[in-house]
Every structure is written in structure tokens, then in C-alpha cells.
Amino acid sequence: MTSFAGLMAGSVNGAVVIPGDAENSLFVELVASQEMPKRGAKLTPCDGTTI
């Protein structure tokens, strides 16, 4: 993920972010399970809540 446009475009598997529907957003699921970010420091619980 390098840009907002790229995030919103999704992946070959479909939508990653569903605006207004965090429960069904793959991005939120991956952040909450700490599978993302794959590189760099893990997000703090506060960061996850913000997302």
C-alpha cells in the first residue's frame, strides 16, 4: 500500500476497504489481527482503533 488510490482500487481478489463497513473490510481485519503491516513496526492498539 503506497497510496490512497491504490488502497481503494483493491487487489486481484477484490475490494480491500469497504467505506463505512469496517466489519467487512479486509484491511481492517488484517490490521486487527496484526497481519498488517507486514514490514516495519507493528501498529499500537490506539493506531488500530483509529483505523
N, C-alpha and C. Protein backbone atom coordinates (compact mmCIF):
# COMPACT_ATOMS: atom_id res chain seq x y z
N MET A 1 0.86 -1.16 0.00
CA MET A 1 0.00 0.00 0.00
C MET A 1 0.90 1.22 0.00
N THR A 2 0.82 1.95 -1.08
CA THR A 2 1.65 3.15 -1.18
C THR A 2 0.83 4.41 -1.41
N SER A 3 -0.46 4.24 -1.66
CA SER A 3 -1.29 5.43 -1.89
C SER A 3 -2.75 5.14 -1.53
N PHE A 4 -3.48 6.19 -1.29
CA PHE A 4 -4.91 6.07 -1.03
C PHE A 4 -5.61 5.46 -2.23
N ALA A 5 -5.26 5.94 -3.42
CA ALA A 5 -5.90 5.43 -4.64
C ALA A 5 -5.65 3.93 -4.81
N GLY A 6 -4.42 3.50 -4.51
CA GLY A 6 -4.10 2.08 -4.61
C GLY A 6 -4.89 1.25 -3.61
N LEU A 7 -5.02 1.75 -2.41
CA LEU A 7 -5.79 1.06 -1.38
C LEU A 7 -7.26 0.92 -1.79
N MET A 8 -7.82 2.01 -2.29
CA MET A 8 -9.22 1.99 -2.68
C MET A 8 -9.47 1.17 -3.95
N ALA A 9 -8.42 0.99 -4.78
CA ALA A 9 -8.57 0.20 -6.01
C ALA A 9 -8.73 -1.28 -5.69
N GLY A 10 -8.23 -1.71 -4.53
CA GLY A 10 -8.35 -3.11 -4.15
C GLY A 10 -7.24 -3.95 -4.73
N SER A 11 -7.48 -5.25 -4.79
CA SER A 11 -6.48 -6.18 -5.28
C SER A 11 -7.11 -7.11 -6.32
N VAL A 12 -6.34 -8.06 -6.78
CA VAL A 12 -6.88 -9.02 -7.74
C VAL A 12 -8.00 -9.84 -7.11
N ASN A 13 -8.06 -9.83 -5.78
CA ASN A 13 -9.09 -10.58 -5.06
C ASN A 13 -10.33 -9.74 -4.74
N GLY A 14 -10.33 -8.48 -5.15
CA GLY A 14 -11.49 -7.63 -4.90
C GLY A 14 -11.18 -6.48 -3.97
N ALA A 15 -12.23 -5.93 -3.39
CA ALA A 15 -12.11 -4.76 -2.52
C ALA A 15 -11.35 -5.11 -1.25
N VAL A 16 -10.52 -4.19 -0.81
CA VAL A 16 -9.77 -4.35 0.44
C VAL A 16 -10.41 -3.50 1.52
N VAL A 17 -10.87 -2.33 1.14
CA VAL A 17 -11.55 -1.41 2.05
C VAL A 17 -12.97 -1.19 1.55
N ILE A 18 -13.91 -1.31 2.47
CA ILE A 18 -15.30 -1.03 2.14
C ILE A 18 -15.69 0.18 2.99
N PRO A 19 -15.71 1.38 2.39
CA PRO A 19 -16.01 2.59 3.16
C PRO A 19 -17.31 2.46 3.95
N GLY A 20 -17.25 2.80 5.23
CA GLY A 20 -18.43 2.77 6.08
C GLY A 20 -18.80 1.39 6.57
N ASP A 21 -17.99 0.37 6.26
CA ASP A 21 -18.32 -1.00 6.64
C ASP A 21 -17.07 -1.72 7.15
N ALA A 22 -16.57 -1.28 8.29
CA ALA A 22 -15.33 -1.84 8.83
C ALA A 22 -15.43 -3.33 9.10
N GLU A 23 -16.62 -3.80 9.47
CA GLU A 23 -16.79 -5.22 9.78
C GLU A 23 -16.51 -6.13 8.58
N ASN A 24 -16.67 -5.61 7.37
CA ASN A 24 -16.46 -6.42 6.18
C ASN A 24 -15.26 -5.97 5.35
N SER A 25 -14.41 -5.12 5.92
CA SER A 25 -13.23 -4.64 5.21
C SER A 25 -12.04 -5.54 5.51
N LEU A 26 -11.45 -6.13 4.48
CA LEU A 26 -10.28 -6.98 4.65
C LEU A 26 -9.14 -6.22 5.31
N PHE A 27 -8.96 -4.97 4.94
CA PHE A 27 -7.89 -4.16 5.52
C PHE A 27 -8.02 -4.08 7.03
N VAL A 28 -9.21 -3.80 7.53
CA VAL A 28 -9.44 -3.70 8.96
C VAL A 28 -9.19 -5.06 9.63
N GLU A 29 -9.63 -6.11 9.01
CA GLU A 29 -9.42 -7.46 9.54
C GLU A 29 -7.93 -7.78 9.67
N LEU A 30 -7.14 -7.44 8.65
CA LEU A 30 -5.71 -7.72 8.68
C LEU A 30 -4.98 -6.86 9.71
N VAL A 31 -5.40 -5.62 9.86
CA VAL A 31 -4.79 -4.74 10.87
C VAL A 31 -5.15 -5.24 12.27
N ALA A 32 -6.40 -5.59 12.49
CA ALA A 32 -6.86 -6.04 13.81
C ALA A 32 -6.16 -7.33 14.23
N SER A 33 -5.89 -8.21 13.27
CA SER A 33 -5.23 -9.48 13.59
C SER A 33 -3.71 -9.34 13.62
N GLN A 34 -3.21 -8.14 13.38
CA GLN A 34 -1.79 -7.79 13.34
C GLN A 34 -1.04 -8.52 12.23
N GLU A 35 -1.77 -8.93 11.18
CA GLU A 35 -1.12 -9.47 9.99
C GLU A 35 -0.57 -8.34 9.12
N MET A 36 -1.02 -7.12 9.37
CA MET A 36 -0.52 -5.93 8.69
C MET A 36 -0.12 -4.93 9.75
N PRO A 37 0.87 -4.16 9.53
CA PRO A 37 1.72 -4.13 8.33
C PRO A 37 2.70 -5.30 8.34
N LYS A 38 3.03 -5.77 7.15
CA LYS A 38 3.96 -6.89 7.03
C LYS A 38 5.39 -6.47 7.29
N ARG A 39 5.71 -5.21 6.98
CA ARG A 39 7.06 -4.69 7.22
C ARG A 39 6.98 -3.54 8.20
N GLY A 40 8.07 -3.34 8.90
CA GLY A 40 8.13 -2.22 9.83
C GLY A 40 7.49 -2.56 11.17
N ALA A 41 7.36 -1.54 11.96
CA ALA A 41 6.82 -1.71 13.31
C ALA A 41 5.34 -2.05 13.27
N LYS A 42 4.92 -2.88 14.22
CA LYS A 42 3.50 -3.20 14.34
C LYS A 42 2.76 -1.97 14.84
N LEU A 43 1.50 -1.89 14.53
CA LEU A 43 0.69 -0.78 14.98
C LEU A 43 0.35 -0.94 16.45
N THR A 44 0.20 0.18 17.12
CA THR A 44 -0.21 0.14 18.52
C THR A 44 -1.73 -0.10 18.57
N PRO A 45 -2.25 -0.52 19.70
CA PRO A 45 -3.71 -0.69 19.81
C PRO A 45 -4.46 0.60 19.46
N CYS A 46 -3.88 1.76 19.84
CA CYS A 46 -4.50 3.05 19.51
C CYS A 46 -4.56 3.26 18.00
N ASP A 47 -3.47 2.90 17.30
CA ASP A 47 -3.46 3.02 15.83
C ASP A 47 -4.56 2.16 15.22
N GLY A 48 -4.68 0.93 15.72
CA GLY A 48 -5.69 0.02 15.21
C GLY A 48 -7.10 0.54 15.42
N THR A 49 -7.32 1.15 16.57
CA THR A 49 -8.63 1.73 16.86
C THR A 49 -8.93 2.89 15.93
N THR A 50 -7.92 3.69 15.64
CA THR A 50 -8.09 4.83 14.73
C THR A 50 -8.50 4.36 13.34
N ILE A 51 -7.88 3.30 12.89
CA ILE A 51 -8.19 2.77 11.56
C ILE A 51 -9.58 2.20 11.56
